[in-house]
């Protein structure tokens, strides 16, 4: 654990290739299978996030048509209304 802390403190100094090599050395030194499983899971999760670029299509189906109509109505009713007291 101490070496991971040291690695973190030197992270700003080292280039990415050096950091990867140090990280691999730390992984090779591990004997706890649970830690290895957690690291594998984290790596898979982060790679999925990296590969999946957000799209407007990700929002499809997030709200129902009824909710969308209600939102549209509220916007139309509220849009461009001038309240004299709001300017003070």
N, C-alpha and C. Protein backbone atom coordinates (compact mmCIF):
# COMPACT_ATOMS: atom_id res chain seq x y z
N UNK A 1 0.82 -1.19 0.00
CA UNK A 1 0.00 0.00 0.00
C UNK A 1 0.87 1.25 0.00
N UNK A 2 1.96 1.20 0.72
CA UNK A 2 2.86 2.34 0.79
C UNK A 2 3.41 2.69 -0.59
N UNK A 3 3.73 1.65 -1.37
CA UNK A 3 4.28 1.92 -2.70
C UNK A 3 3.24 2.53 -3.63
N UNK A 4 1.95 2.18 -3.45
CA UNK A 4 0.91 2.81 -4.26
C UNK A 4 0.81 4.29 -3.93
N UNK A 5 0.97 4.64 -2.65
CA UNK A 5 0.95 6.04 -2.26
C UNK A 5 2.12 6.79 -2.89
N UNK A 6 3.30 6.17 -2.85
CA UNK A 6 4.47 6.80 -3.46
C UNK A 6 4.28 6.95 -4.95
N UNK A 7 3.70 5.92 -5.56
CA UNK A 7 3.46 6.00 -7.00
C UNK A 7 2.54 7.18 -7.31
N UNK A 8 1.52 7.37 -6.48
CA UNK A 8 0.58 8.46 -6.69
C UNK A 8 1.28 9.81 -6.56
N UNK A 9 2.18 9.94 -5.59
CA UNK A 9 2.85 11.21 -5.39
C UNK A 9 3.81 11.53 -6.52
N UNK A 10 4.34 10.51 -7.19
CA UNK A 10 5.24 10.74 -8.32
C UNK A 10 4.50 10.77 -9.66
N UNK A 11 3.19 10.60 -9.61
CA UNK A 11 2.40 10.51 -10.84
C UNK A 11 2.56 11.75 -11.71
N UNK A 12 2.68 12.90 -11.11
CA UNK A 12 2.82 14.14 -11.89
C UNK A 12 4.18 14.24 -12.57
N UNK A 13 5.17 13.57 -12.01
CA UNK A 13 6.52 13.65 -12.55
C UNK A 13 6.72 12.65 -13.69
N UNK A 14 6.19 11.45 -13.52
CA UNK A 14 6.42 10.38 -14.49
C UNK A 14 5.54 10.52 -15.73
N UNK A 15 6.04 10.06 -16.84
CA UNK A 15 5.22 10.02 -18.04
C UNK A 15 4.30 8.80 -17.96
N UNK A 16 3.35 8.74 -18.86
CA UNK A 16 2.32 7.69 -18.81
C UNK A 16 2.91 6.29 -18.96
N UNK A 17 3.90 6.10 -19.80
CA UNK A 17 4.49 4.78 -19.98
C UNK A 17 5.18 4.30 -18.70
N UNK A 18 5.87 5.18 -18.04
CA UNK A 18 6.54 4.84 -16.79
C UNK A 18 5.50 4.51 -15.72
N UNK A 19 4.44 5.28 -15.67
CA UNK A 19 3.37 5.01 -14.70
C UNK A 19 2.75 3.65 -14.95
N UNK A 20 2.53 3.30 -16.21
CA UNK A 20 1.96 1.99 -16.54
C UNK A 20 2.88 0.86 -16.07
N UNK A 21 4.16 1.01 -16.32
CA UNK A 21 5.13 -0.01 -15.90
C UNK A 21 5.14 -0.19 -14.38
N UNK A 22 5.12 0.91 -13.66
CA UNK A 22 5.08 0.84 -12.20
C UNK A 22 3.80 0.17 -11.72
N UNK A 23 2.70 0.50 -12.37
CA UNK A 23 1.41 -0.09 -12.00
C UNK A 23 1.42 -1.60 -12.26
N UNK A 24 1.94 -2.01 -13.38
CA UNK A 24 2.04 -3.44 -13.71
C UNK A 24 2.90 -4.16 -12.67
N UNK A 25 3.99 -3.54 -12.26
CA UNK A 25 4.83 -4.14 -11.22
C UNK A 25 4.06 -4.32 -9.92
N UNK A 26 3.26 -3.35 -9.57
CA UNK A 26 2.44 -3.45 -8.37
C UNK A 26 1.44 -4.60 -8.49
N UNK A 27 0.82 -4.73 -9.65
CA UNK A 27 -0.15 -5.79 -9.87
C UNK A 27 0.53 -7.16 -9.80
N UNK A 28 1.70 -7.28 -10.41
CA UNK A 28 2.43 -8.54 -10.39
C UNK A 28 2.80 -8.95 -8.96
N UNK A 29 3.00 -8.00 -8.09
CA UNK A 29 3.37 -8.29 -6.71
C UNK A 29 2.17 -8.69 -5.84
N UNK A 30 0.95 -8.48 -6.35
CA UNK A 30 -0.25 -8.80 -5.58
C UNK A 30 -0.43 -10.31 -5.44
N UNK A 31 -0.93 -10.72 -4.28
CA UNK A 31 -1.27 -12.12 -4.09
C UNK A 31 -2.74 -12.28 -3.70
N UNK A 32 -3.40 -11.18 -3.40
CA UNK A 32 -4.81 -11.19 -3.00
C UNK A 32 -5.69 -11.19 -4.25
N UNK A 33 -6.37 -12.31 -4.47
CA UNK A 33 -7.19 -12.46 -5.68
C UNK A 33 -8.36 -11.48 -5.71
N UNK A 34 -8.89 -11.12 -4.55
CA UNK A 34 -10.02 -10.17 -4.50
C UNK A 34 -9.61 -8.80 -5.03
N UNK A 35 -8.40 -8.38 -4.70
CA UNK A 35 -7.91 -7.09 -5.19
C UNK A 35 -7.75 -7.15 -6.70
N UNK A 36 -7.24 -8.25 -7.21
CA UNK A 36 -7.06 -8.41 -8.65
C UNK A 36 -8.42 -8.38 -9.35
N UNK A 37 -9.42 -9.06 -8.78
CA UNK A 37 -10.77 -9.05 -9.36
C UNK A 37 -11.35 -7.63 -9.38
N UNK A 38 -11.13 -6.89 -8.30
CA UNK A 38 -11.63 -5.51 -8.25
C UNK A 38 -10.95 -4.64 -9.31
N UNK A 39 -9.65 -4.81 -9.47
CA UNK A 39 -8.93 -4.04 -10.48
C UNK A 39 -9.41 -4.40 -11.88
N UNK A 40 -9.65 -5.69 -12.12
CA UNK A 40 -10.17 -6.11 -13.42
C UNK A 40 -11.53 -5.50 -13.69
N UNK A 41 -12.39 -5.52 -12.67
CA UNK A 41 -13.73 -4.94 -12.82
C UNK A 41 -13.68 -3.45 -13.08
N UNK A 42 -12.81 -2.77 -12.37
CA UNK A 42 -12.66 -1.33 -12.56
C UNK A 42 -12.16 -1.02 -13.97
N UNK A 43 -11.19 -1.79 -14.42
CA UNK A 43 -10.65 -1.58 -15.77
C UNK A 43 -11.73 -1.80 -16.83
N UNK A 44 -12.50 -2.86 -16.69
CA UNK A 44 -13.58 -3.14 -17.66
C UNK A 44 -14.61 -2.01 -17.65
N UNK A 45 -14.99 -1.57 -16.46
CA UNK A 45 -15.97 -0.50 -16.34
C UNK A 45 -15.49 0.79 -16.98
N UNK A 46 -14.27 1.16 -16.70
CA UNK A 46 -13.71 2.40 -17.26
C UNK A 46 -13.56 2.32 -18.77
N UNK A 47 -13.19 1.13 -19.28
CA UNK A 47 -13.07 0.98 -20.73
C UNK A 47 -14.43 1.10 -21.40
N UNK A 48 -15.48 0.57 -20.76
CA UNK A 48 -16.82 0.70 -21.31
C UNK A 48 -17.24 2.16 -21.36
N UNK A 49 -16.95 2.89 -20.28
CA UNK A 49 -17.29 4.32 -20.24
C UNK A 49 -16.54 5.08 -21.32
N UNK A 50 -15.28 4.73 -21.51
CA UNK A 50 -14.44 5.41 -22.50
C UNK A 50 -14.93 5.13 -23.92
N UNK A 51 -15.34 3.90 -24.17
CA UNK A 51 -15.78 3.50 -25.50
C UNK A 51 -17.15 4.07 -25.84
N UNK A 52 -17.98 4.28 -24.83
CA UNK A 52 -19.34 4.74 -25.07
C UNK A 52 -19.38 6.26 -25.01
N UNK A 53 -19.48 6.88 -26.15
CA UNK A 53 -19.58 8.33 -26.20
C UNK A 53 -21.06 8.71 -26.07
N UNK A 54 -21.36 9.71 -25.25
CA UNK A 54 -22.75 10.10 -25.06
C UNK A 54 -23.40 10.55 -26.36
N UNK A 55 -24.65 10.22 -26.49
CA UNK A 55 -25.41 10.58 -27.67
C UNK A 55 -26.77 11.10 -27.23
N UNK A 56 -27.36 11.91 -28.06
CA UNK A 56 -28.71 12.40 -27.78
C UNK A 56 -29.68 11.21 -27.74
N UNK A 57 -29.36 10.15 -28.44
CA UNK A 57 -30.21 8.97 -28.45
C UNK A 57 -30.22 8.24 -27.11
N UNK A 58 -29.25 8.51 -26.26
CA UNK A 58 -29.23 7.93 -24.92
C UNK A 58 -30.40 8.45 -24.09
N UNK A 59 -30.94 9.59 -24.46
CA UNK A 59 -32.04 10.18 -23.72
C UNK A 59 -33.41 9.68 -24.18
N UNK A 60 -33.46 8.99 -25.30
CA UNK A 60 -34.73 8.48 -25.79
C UNK A 60 -35.34 7.53 -24.77
N UNK A 61 -36.62 7.76 -24.48
CA UNK A 61 -37.31 6.90 -23.55
C UNK A 61 -37.09 7.25 -22.09
N UNK A 62 -36.32 8.29 -21.82
CA UNK A 62 -36.07 8.68 -20.44
C UNK A 62 -37.34 9.23 -19.80
N UNK A 63 -38.07 10.03 -20.56
CA UNK A 63 -39.35 10.52 -20.07
C UNK A 63 -40.44 10.05 -21.02
N UNK A 64 -41.64 9.92 -20.47
CA UNK A 64 -42.77 9.44 -21.29
C UNK A 64 -43.28 10.58 -22.18
N UNK A 65 -44.08 10.22 -23.15
CA UNK A 65 -44.66 11.21 -24.05
C UNK A 65 -45.57 12.16 -23.27
N UNK A 66 -46.29 11.61 -22.29
CA UNK A 66 -47.18 12.42 -21.44
C UNK A 66 -46.37 13.46 -20.66
N UNK A 67 -45.23 13.03 -20.08
CA UNK A 67 -44.37 13.95 -19.34
C UNK A 67 -43.78 15.01 -20.26
N UNK A 68 -43.41 14.61 -21.46
CA UNK A 68 -42.85 15.55 -22.43
C UNK A 68 -43.88 16.60 -22.83
N UNK A 69 -45.13 16.17 -23.04
CA UNK A 69 -46.20 17.10 -23.39
C UNK A 69 -46.45 18.09 -22.25
N UNK A 70 -46.44 17.58 -21.01
CA UNK A 70 -46.64 18.45 -19.85
C UNK A 70 -45.51 19.47 -19.76
N UNK A 71 -44.27 19.04 -19.98
CA UNK A 71 -43.12 19.93 -19.93
C UNK A 71 -43.23 20.99 -21.02
N UNK A 72 -43.62 20.59 -22.21
CA UNK A 72 -43.78 21.52 -23.33
C UNK A 72 -44.83 22.58 -23.01
N UNK A 73 -45.95 22.13 -22.40
CA UNK A 73 -47.02 23.06 -22.04
C UNK A 73 -46.55 24.09 -21.02
N UNK A 74 -45.81 23.64 -20.00
CA UNK A 74 -45.30 24.55 -18.97
C UNK A 74 -44.34 25.56 -19.59
N UNK A 75 -43.49 25.11 -20.48
CA UNK A 75 -42.54 26.01 -21.14
C UNK A 75 -43.28 27.04 -21.98
N UNK A 76 -44.26 26.60 -22.75
CA UNK A 76 -45.02 27.51 -23.60
C UNK A 76 -45.78 28.54 -22.77
N UNK A 77 -46.33 28.11 -21.63
CA UNK A 77 -47.09 29.03 -20.78
C UNK A 77 -46.18 30.04 -20.08
N UNK A 78 -44.99 29.63 -19.77
CA UNK A 78 -44.08 30.48 -18.99
C UNK A 78 -43.17 31.33 -19.84
N UNK A 79 -42.96 30.93 -21.07
CA UNK A 79 -41.99 31.58 -21.94
C UNK A 79 -42.41 33.01 -22.26
N UNK A 80 -41.45 33.91 -22.15
CA UNK A 80 -41.61 35.31 -22.51
C UNK A 80 -42.66 36.05 -21.68
N UNK A 81 -42.92 35.56 -20.49
CA UNK A 81 -43.80 36.29 -19.58
C UNK A 81 -42.96 37.33 -18.85
N UNK A 82 -43.49 38.53 -18.77
CA UNK A 82 -42.78 39.61 -18.11
C UNK A 82 -43.48 39.90 -16.78
N UNK A 83 -42.71 39.83 -15.72
CA UNK A 83 -43.22 40.15 -14.39
C UNK A 83 -42.50 41.41 -13.94
N UNK A 84 -43.26 42.49 -13.82
CA UNK A 84 -42.69 43.78 -13.50
C UNK A 84 -41.90 43.78 -12.19
N UNK A 85 -42.32 42.99 -11.25
CA UNK A 85 -41.66 42.96 -9.93
C UNK A 85 -40.33 42.25 -9.98
N UNK A 86 -40.10 41.41 -10.96
CA UNK A 86 -38.83 40.68 -11.08
C UNK A 86 -37.67 41.58 -11.44
N UNK A 87 -37.94 42.75 -11.96
CA UNK A 87 -36.88 43.64 -12.43
C UNK A 87 -36.31 44.50 -11.31
N UNK A 88 -36.90 44.45 -10.16
CA UNK A 88 -36.47 45.34 -9.07
C UNK A 88 -35.42 44.70 -8.24
